Amino acid sequence: MAMNRYSGLLLLGLTLGGCYPKGAEYVEELDIVYTNFNPDFDFKSKTTYALPDSVVKISGDALNDPDGDGKPQFLSAASSKAILDQI
């Protein structure tokens, strides 16, 4: 009877541990764009938008912080301009 109780607790612990949320393990898992079109939205009432002037560099290292200063690295101004001009 005690063995059955322990195996039930072990199974419950493994089940709950398997459901623990984790972050992205690969950069490809972060490549998501979500849009939600609202047909009632009035685009003519909006006259401005915001666009960044630089692009964050993403490499195989999710943190991409070789200096350890907590700041991300950016692409060169020329590369950022080429990407942002396409957008």
Protein backbone atom coordinates (compact mmCIF):
# COMPACT_ATOMS: atom_id res chain seq x y z
CA MET A 1 0.00 0.00 0.00
CA ALA A 2 2.83 2.44 0.88
CA MET A 3 4.62 1.59 -2.38
CA ASN A 4 1.48 2.38 -4.36
CA ARG A 5 1.18 5.79 -2.64
CA TYR A 6 4.80 6.68 -3.36
CA SER A 7 4.56 5.66 -6.99
CA GLY A 8 1.41 7.81 -7.33
CA LEU A 9 3.21 10.79 -5.82
CA LEU A 10 6.20 10.20 -8.09
CA LEU A 11 3.95 10.03 -11.15
CA LEU A 12 2.16 13.22 -10.09
CA GLY A 13 5.50 15.02 -9.56
CA LEU A 14 6.82 13.96 -12.98
CA THR A 15 3.58 15.00 -14.66
CA LEU A 16 3.58 18.45 -13.07
CA GLY A 17 7.31 18.89 -13.67
CA GLY A 18 6.82 18.14 -17.36
CA CYS A 19 4.30 20.98 -17.61
CA TYR A 20 6.66 23.62 -16.20
CA PRO A 21 6.95 26.42 -18.78
CA LYS A 22 10.36 27.05 -20.27
CA GLY A 23 11.70 29.75 -22.51
CA ALA A 24 12.70 29.40 -26.13
CA GLU A 25 15.60 27.02 -26.62
CA TYR A 26 16.42 28.06 -30.18
CA VAL A 27 16.36 31.43 -31.97
CA GLU A 28 13.98 29.93 -34.55
CA GLU A 29 11.36 29.64 -31.80
CA LEU A 30 11.35 33.43 -31.47
CA ASP A 31 10.61 34.08 -35.16
CA ILE A 32 6.92 34.81 -34.75
CA VAL A 33 4.79 37.60 -36.09
CA TYR A 34 1.17 37.84 -35.03
CA THR A 35 -1.32 40.17 -36.62
CA ASN A 36 -4.98 40.51 -35.85
CA PHE A 37 -6.87 42.46 -38.49
CA ASN A 38 -9.87 44.41 -37.29
CA PRO A 39 -12.14 45.36 -40.21
CA ASP A 40 -13.67 48.16 -38.12
CA PHE A 41 -10.34 49.93 -37.52
CA ASP A 42 -10.13 53.36 -39.15
CA PHE A 43 -6.68 53.62 -40.73
CA LYS A 44 -7.38 57.13 -42.04
CA SER A 45 -7.59 58.49 -38.49
CA LYS A 46 -3.97 57.47 -37.79
CA THR A 47 -1.30 59.72 -39.25
CA THR A 48 1.87 58.61 -37.48
CA TYR A 49 3.74 55.41 -36.72
CA ALA A 50 6.89 54.39 -34.88
CA LEU A 51 9.83 52.51 -36.36
CA PRO A 52 13.14 51.82 -34.58
CA ASP A 53 16.33 53.23 -36.06
CA SER A 54 18.41 50.14 -35.35
CA VAL A 55 18.06 46.36 -35.37
CA VAL A 56 19.09 44.12 -32.47
CA LYS A 57 21.60 41.46 -33.45
CA ILE A 58 20.41 37.94 -32.68
CA SER A 59 22.91 35.11 -32.70
CA GLY A 60 22.93 31.52 -31.44
CA ASP A 61 23.38 32.87 -27.91
CA ALA A 62 19.92 33.98 -26.72
CA LEU A 63 21.40 36.65 -24.44
CA ASN A 64 23.92 37.91 -27.00
CA ASP A 65 25.77 39.82 -24.31
CA PRO A 66 29.52 39.18 -24.77
CA ASP A 67 30.48 42.21 -22.66
CA GLY A 68 28.31 41.14 -19.75
CA ASP A 69 26.89 44.65 -19.41
CA GLY A 70 23.26 43.63 -19.94
CA LYS A 71 22.96 45.64 -23.16
CA PRO A 72 22.13 44.00 -26.51
CA GLN A 73 24.34 44.30 -29.56
CA PHE A 74 23.00 46.01 -32.68
CA LEU A 75 23.63 45.50 -36.37
CA SER A 76 25.72 48.09 -38.16
CA ALA A 77 23.95 51.25 -39.30
CA ALA A 78 24.18 50.16 -42.95
CA SER A 79 22.67 46.71 -42.24
CA SER A 80 19.95 48.19 -40.05
CA LYS A 81 19.09 50.74 -42.76
CA ALA A 82 18.85 48.01 -45.42
CA ILE A 83 16.44 45.97 -43.27
CA LEU A 84 14.34 48.90 -42.13
CA ASP A 85 14.11 50.30 -45.68
CA GLN A 86 12.51 47.03 -46.74
CA ILE A 87 9.91 47.33 -43.97
